[in-house]
Protein backbone atom coordinates (compact mmCIF):
# COMPACT_ATOMS: atom_id res chain seq x y z
CA MET A 1 -1.88 -12.25 -2.28
CA THR A 2 1.20 -10.18 -1.63
CA PRO A 3 4.20 -12.55 -1.20
CA ARG A 4 5.90 -12.42 2.20
CA PRO A 5 9.50 -11.14 1.62
CA ALA A 6 12.46 -13.37 2.14
CA PRO A 7 15.64 -11.96 3.75
CA PRO A 8 18.34 -10.73 1.42
CA ALA A 9 21.42 -12.71 0.59
CA THR A 10 23.69 -10.20 2.43
CA PRO A 11 21.71 -9.04 5.44
CA ALA A 12 22.27 -5.78 7.23
CA PRO A 13 22.13 -5.62 11.03
CA GLU A 14 18.92 -4.60 12.77
CA PRO A 15 19.17 -0.90 13.81
CA ALA A 16 19.91 -0.44 17.49
CA PRO A 17 17.72 2.04 19.48
CA GLY A 18 19.45 5.39 19.97
CA PRO A 19 20.20 8.54 18.03
CA GLY A 20 19.48 8.11 14.36
CA ALA A 21 17.90 4.65 14.71
CA VAL A 22 14.30 3.45 14.61
CA PRO A 23 13.28 2.91 18.24
CA ALA A 24 11.79 -0.37 19.48
CA PRO A 25 8.06 -0.92 19.43
CA GLY A 26 6.26 0.86 22.28
CA ALA A 27 8.49 3.91 22.15
CA GLY A 28 6.09 5.96 20.04
CA GLY A 29 4.09 9.11 20.79
CA GLY A 30 1.07 10.78 19.33
CA GLU A 31 2.50 11.58 15.91
CA PRO A 32 0.07 11.06 13.04
CA VAL A 33 0.14 7.83 11.05
CA LYS A 34 0.37 8.79 7.38
CA LEU A 35 -0.88 6.52 4.63
CA TRP A 36 -0.68 6.89 0.89
CA LEU A 37 -2.71 4.63 -1.39
CA CYS A 38 -1.66 5.04 -5.05
CA PRO A 39 -3.09 3.16 -7.98
CA ASN A 40 -0.74 2.16 -10.82
CA ASP A 41 -2.47 4.65 -13.06
CA GLY A 42 -1.89 7.42 -10.52
CA LEU A 43 1.44 8.05 -12.26
CA PRO A 44 1.80 7.81 -16.08
CA PRO A 45 4.42 5.13 -17.00
CA GLU A 46 6.72 7.62 -18.71
CA VAL A 47 6.63 9.91 -15.64
CA ALA A 48 7.34 6.97 -13.30
CA LEU A 49 10.30 5.97 -15.46
CA LEU A 50 11.70 9.49 -15.49
CA LEU A 51 11.35 9.94 -11.79
CA ALA A 52 12.88 6.49 -11.13
CA THR A 53 15.85 7.37 -13.34
CA HIS A 54 16.64 10.36 -11.17
CA TRP A 55 15.51 9.08 -7.71
CA LEU A 56 16.17 5.38 -7.35
CA ASP A 57 19.58 4.08 -6.30
CA ALA A 58 21.73 1.65 -8.23
CA GLN A 59 20.31 -1.46 -6.51
CA GLU A 60 16.76 -0.36 -7.13
CA GLN A 61 17.51 0.33 -10.76
CA LYS A 62 19.04 -3.09 -11.10
CA THR A 63 16.06 -4.79 -9.49
CA ALA A 64 13.67 -2.95 -11.82
CA SER A 65 15.58 -4.12 -14.83
CA ARG A 66 15.14 -7.78 -13.90
CA PHE A 67 11.33 -7.97 -14.21
CA LEU A 68 10.19 -10.08 -17.09
CA PHE A 69 6.74 -8.52 -17.34
CA GLU A 70 6.15 -4.82 -17.94
CA ARG A 71 3.21 -4.68 -15.48
CA ASP A 72 5.50 -5.96 -12.66
CA ARG A 73 8.26 -3.49 -13.51
CA ARG A 74 5.69 -0.65 -13.63
CA GLN A 75 4.32 -1.66 -10.17
CA TYR A 76 7.90 -1.72 -8.77
CA LEU A 77 8.81 1.69 -10.24
CA LEU A 78 5.63 3.32 -8.98
CA ALA A 79 5.97 1.80 -5.53
CA HIS A 80 9.55 2.85 -5.05
CA THR A 81 9.14 6.38 -6.44
CA LEU A 82 6.10 6.67 -4.08
CA VAL A 83 8.35 5.72 -1.13
CA ARG A 84 11.05 8.19 -2.00
CA ARG A 85 8.63 11.04 -2.77
CA ALA A 86 6.66 10.63 0.46
CA LEU A 87 9.79 10.19 2.63
CA ALA A 88 11.37 13.22 1.00
CA LEU A 89 8.35 15.35 1.92
CA GLU A 90 8.47 14.13 5.50
CA ALA A 91 12.22 14.37 5.94
CA GLY A 92 12.76 17.57 4.04
CA LEU A 93 15.46 15.92 1.88
CA ALA A 94 15.80 15.34 -1.88
CA GLU A 95 14.46 11.99 -3.09
CA ALA A 96 17.81 10.88 -4.48
CA GLU A 97 19.58 11.65 -1.15
CA LEU A 98 17.57 9.11 0.81
CA VAL A 99 19.39 5.88 1.66
CA ILE A 100 17.11 2.90 2.04
CA TRP A 101 18.49 -0.41 3.31
CA ARG A 102 17.24 -3.73 4.67
CA SER A 103 17.64 -5.42 8.06
CA ALA A 104 18.76 -9.01 8.46
CA ARG A 105 15.12 -10.11 8.16
CA GLY A 106 14.54 -8.11 5.03
CA ARG A 107 12.66 -5.18 6.45
CA PRO A 108 13.43 -1.82 4.71
CA PHE A 109 14.59 1.20 6.77
CA LEU A 110 15.49 4.76 6.03
CA ARG A 111 19.12 5.30 6.98
CA PRO A 112 19.31 8.65 8.75
CA ALA A 113 21.23 11.53 7.19
CA ALA A 114 24.17 12.84 9.15
CA ALA A 115 22.15 15.80 10.43
CA GLY A 116 18.90 13.88 10.62
CA GLY A 117 17.17 16.07 8.06
CA PRO A 118 15.40 19.39 8.58
CA ARG A 119 12.13 17.66 9.55
CA GLY A 120 13.45 14.93 11.83
CA GLY A 121 14.19 12.32 9.20
CA SER A 122 16.13 10.20 11.71
CA GLN A 123 12.84 9.41 13.47
CA LEU A 124 10.97 8.14 10.37
CA ASP A 125 9.84 4.62 9.79
CA PHE A 126 7.95 3.34 6.83
CA ASN A 127 6.37 0.24 5.36
CA LEU A 128 5.29 -0.65 1.81
CA SER A 129 2.73 -3.08 0.37
CA HIS A 130 1.33 -3.53 -3.08
CA ALA A 131 -1.30 -5.77 -4.64
CA GLY A 132 -3.88 -5.64 -7.37
CA GLY A 133 -2.62 -2.53 -9.03
CA TYR A 134 -2.31 -0.52 -5.82
CA SER A 135 0.70 0.53 -3.73
CA LEU A 136 0.20 1.36 0.01
CA LEU A 137 2.82 3.27 1.96
CA GLY A 138 2.64 3.88 5.73
CA ILE A 139 4.93 6.45 7.45
CA VAL A 140 5.21 7.26 11.18
CA ARG A 141 7.71 8.91 13.48
CA ARG A 142 9.48 7.51 16.50
CA HIS A 143 8.21 3.93 16.28
CA ARG A 144 7.47 1.09 13.88
CA ILE A 145 4.61 0.65 11.39
CA GLY A 146 3.32 -2.24 9.38
CA VAL A 147 0.82 -2.04 6.49
CA ASP A 148 -0.77 -4.42 4.02
CA VAL A 149 -3.16 -4.05 1.08
CA GLU A 150 -5.12 -6.69 -0.78
CA ARG A 151 -7.73 -6.52 -3.52
CA LEU A 152 -10.87 -8.72 -3.42
CA GLU A 153 -11.07 -8.94 -7.17
CA ASP A 154 -7.71 -10.73 -7.21
CA ARG A 155 -8.97 -13.55 -5.07
CA ASP A 156 -8.06 -17.04 -6.13
CA GLU A 157 -9.74 -20.13 -4.67
CA ARG A 158 -6.49 -22.03 -4.14
CA ALA A 159 -4.69 -18.99 -2.84
CA ILE A 160 -7.40 -18.25 -0.29
CA THR A 161 -7.47 -21.89 0.85
CA THR A 162 -3.69 -21.82 1.26
CA ILE A 163 -3.51 -18.71 3.32
CA VAL A 164 -6.44 -19.75 5.60
CA ARG A 165 -4.47 -22.87 6.51
CA THR A 166 -1.75 -20.66 8.08
CA PHE A 167 -4.26 -19.04 10.47
CA ALA A 168 -4.93 -19.97 14.07
CA ALA A 169 -7.89 -22.37 14.62
CA PRO A 170 -10.39 -19.74 15.81
CA GLU A 171 -9.61 -17.61 12.73
CA ARG A 172 -10.07 -20.58 10.41
CA GLU A 173 -13.44 -21.28 12.05
CA TRP A 174 -14.59 -17.69 11.72
CA VAL A 175 -13.66 -17.67 7.99
CA ALA A 176 -15.44 -21.03 7.51
CA ARG A 177 -18.69 -19.69 8.95
CA ALA A 178 -19.07 -17.20 6.03
CA ALA A 179 -20.84 -18.26 2.83
CA ASP A 180 -18.56 -19.46 0.07
CA GLY A 181 -17.48 -16.75 -2.39
CA PRO A 182 -16.94 -13.07 -1.75
CA ALA A 183 -18.11 -13.17 1.91
CA ARG A 184 -15.64 -15.88 2.81
CA ASP A 185 -12.84 -14.29 0.74
CA ARG A 186 -13.39 -10.90 2.49
CA ARG A 187 -13.08 -12.54 5.90
CA ALA A 188 -9.93 -14.38 4.88
CA LEU A 189 -8.29 -11.24 3.48
CA ARG A 190 -9.21 -9.18 6.53
CA VAL A 191 -7.37 -11.62 8.78
CA TRP A 192 -4.48 -11.92 6.35
CA THR A 193 -3.88 -8.15 5.98
CA LEU A 194 -3.90 -7.69 9.80
CA LYS A 195 -1.45 -10.55 10.28
CA GLU A 196 0.81 -9.17 7.57
CA ALA A 197 0.70 -5.69 9.04
CA TYR A 198 1.57 -6.89 12.55
CA SER A 199 4.36 -9.15 11.37
CA LYS A 200 5.86 -6.39 9.30
CA ALA A 201 5.59 -3.83 12.11
CA ARG A 202 7.59 -6.17 14.38
CA GLY A 203 10.15 -6.71 11.59
CA LEU A 204 9.99 -10.48 11.93
CA GLY A 205 9.17 -11.39 8.33
CA LEU A 206 9.09 -15.16 7.82
CA GLY A 207 10.18 -15.66 11.44
CA LEU A 208 6.68 -15.30 12.90
CA PRO A 209 4.30 -18.19 12.29
CA PHE A 210 0.80 -16.91 11.52
CA ASP A 211 -0.88 -19.42 13.83
CA ALA A 212 1.13 -18.08 16.80
CA PHE A 213 -1.22 -15.07 17.20
CA ALA A 214 -4.88 -14.42 16.44
CA PHE A 215 -7.40 -11.68 15.75
CA THR A 216 -11.07 -11.65 16.76
CA LEU A 217 -12.90 -9.43 14.30
CA ASP A 218 -16.28 -7.75 14.05
CA ASP A 219 -18.41 -9.10 11.22
CA GLU A 220 -18.16 -5.85 9.29
CA ARG A 221 -14.98 -4.08 10.35
CA GLY A 222 -12.83 -3.65 13.40
CA VAL A 223 -10.67 -5.67 15.70
CA ARG A 224 -12.50 -6.87 18.84
CA ALA A 225 -9.59 -8.72 20.42
CA PHE A 226 -5.94 -9.53 19.69
CA THR A 227 -4.13 -12.61 21.13
CA PRO A 228 -0.40 -11.95 20.59
CA PRO A 229 2.54 -14.32 20.46
CA ALA A 230 4.01 -15.38 23.78
CA ASP A 231 6.66 -12.61 23.63
CA ASP A 232 4.16 -9.74 23.19
CA THR A 233 1.14 -8.18 24.88
CA ALA A 234 -2.27 -7.32 23.35
CA ARG A 235 -2.45 -3.77 24.58
CA SER A 236 0.92 -2.87 23.08
CA TRP A 237 -0.63 -2.40 19.65
CA ARG A 238 -3.22 -0.45 17.72
CA PHE A 239 -4.83 -1.81 14.57
CA ALA A 240 -6.93 -0.24 11.93
CA GLU A 241 -8.92 -1.74 8.99
CA LEU A 242 -9.79 0.50 6.05
CA GLU A 243 -11.49 0.10 2.67
CA PRO A 244 -10.44 3.40 0.97
CA VAL A 245 -11.61 2.05 -2.38
CA PRO A 246 -14.46 -0.53 -2.74
CA GLY A 247 -12.85 -3.98 -2.75
CA VAL A 248 -9.40 -2.79 -1.64
CA LEU A 249 -8.63 -3.87 1.91
CA VAL A 250 -6.04 -2.09 4.01
CA ALA A 251 -4.66 -2.98 7.49
CA VAL A 252 -2.32 -0.89 9.68
CA ALA A 253 -0.43 -1.93 12.86
CA VAL A 254 1.46 0.49 15.11
CA PRO A 255 2.74 0.30 18.68
CA ALA A 256 0.34 1.78 21.22
CA ASP A 257 0.97 4.69 23.56
CA GLU A 258 -1.88 4.90 26.11
CA THR A 259 -1.18 8.60 26.69
CA GLN A 260 -1.77 9.58 23.04
CA ASP A 261 -4.52 9.05 20.49
CA PRO A 262 -2.82 9.24 17.05
CA VAL A 263 -4.68 10.35 13.94
CA VAL A 264 -4.48 8.62 10.60
CA HIS A 265 -3.91 10.87 7.60
CA LEU A 266 -4.98 9.03 4.41
CA GLY A 267 -3.94 10.32 0.97
CA TYR A 268 -4.93 8.91 -2.41
CA GLY A 269 -2.84 9.09 -5.55
CA PHE A 270 0.76 10.18 -5.96
CA PRO A 271 1.96 12.56 -3.20
CA TRP A 272 2.95 15.66 -5.09
CA SER A 273 2.24 17.59 -1.90
CA ARG A 274 1.95 16.88 1.82
CA ALA A 275 -1.85 17.37 1.82
CA ALA A 276 -3.92 14.43 3.09
CA LEU A 277 -7.42 13.70 1.83
CA ARG A 278 -8.94 12.28 5.01
CA SER A 279 -8.15 12.13 8.70
CA PHE A 280 -9.65 9.95 11.44
CA PRO A 281 -8.59 8.58 14.88
CA LEU A 282 -6.68 5.38 15.17
CA PRO A 283 -8.62 2.77 17.16
CA ARG A 284 -7.46 2.25 20.76
CA PRO A 285 -5.73 -1.01 21.85
CA VAL A 286 -7.90 -4.03 22.44
CA GLY A 287 -7.49 -6.72 25.05
CA GLY A 288 -6.56 -10.31 24.31
CA HIS A 289 -8.93 -13.25 24.20
CA PRO A 290 -7.79 -16.03 26.46
CA SER A 291 -9.37 -18.80 24.37
CA ALA A 292 -8.26 -17.49 21.00
CA LEU A 293 -5.22 -19.83 20.81
CA PRO A 294 -4.76 -23.43 21.90
CA ALA A 295 -2.71 -24.04 25.00
């Protein structure tokens, strides 16, 4: 499972809504949601290292040098070159010119350029996840986004048991009704990826207990109902579940705008160009389920 990030030692303040800042959830429009799923072998190691040398900032370079295992360093380099390449394409800026920083809760943001960038870079938000040899990047304009990716092949009995314990009671019961093995693991990871995506979209990190909100899912795919935390509303969000590669589960969470029906553009591999491989509508918001959480 992808670890939940801890806040940095020296936190930066959360960006305030206004010119050049990421607006609060719910302020979005009908801009497409752009996803890039890139396997580790989507970029040769020597190419990733070369790009990282020219694109990553000093802090990113320092972080990369601290990994003990080459596979972890390679994952980091690919993920962060992916972020800079995709954001550069969207903002119309050079990869090395992008300034990426973290909020007080550890959420990364793109610091707007003085002029905002030729393609509206000041409006961009992004979110990154990686697991099982894949990096997933989500990009959207004018509001927040949260994404998560998990790989079923990486399932571990103890890890699955541990994460299920963090779920709300109805979710635990739904997972338990599946047969032991792959069916149960799939249910657990579907719930987990959605919870991660929602938590990351809100920028709350470790501050949002996973049993404080709940998803009701179809047996195969799709969110039937969402019971949010006390400070949120169910119809404020859109969620999508994807399996772009067999056994690789993806979840996306974005604020909802009832006047627009955003489209998801999904690209696979390293984004050398802005072309997307697939497009499909983002599911509409779902209502809450009054009995999904205990009183």
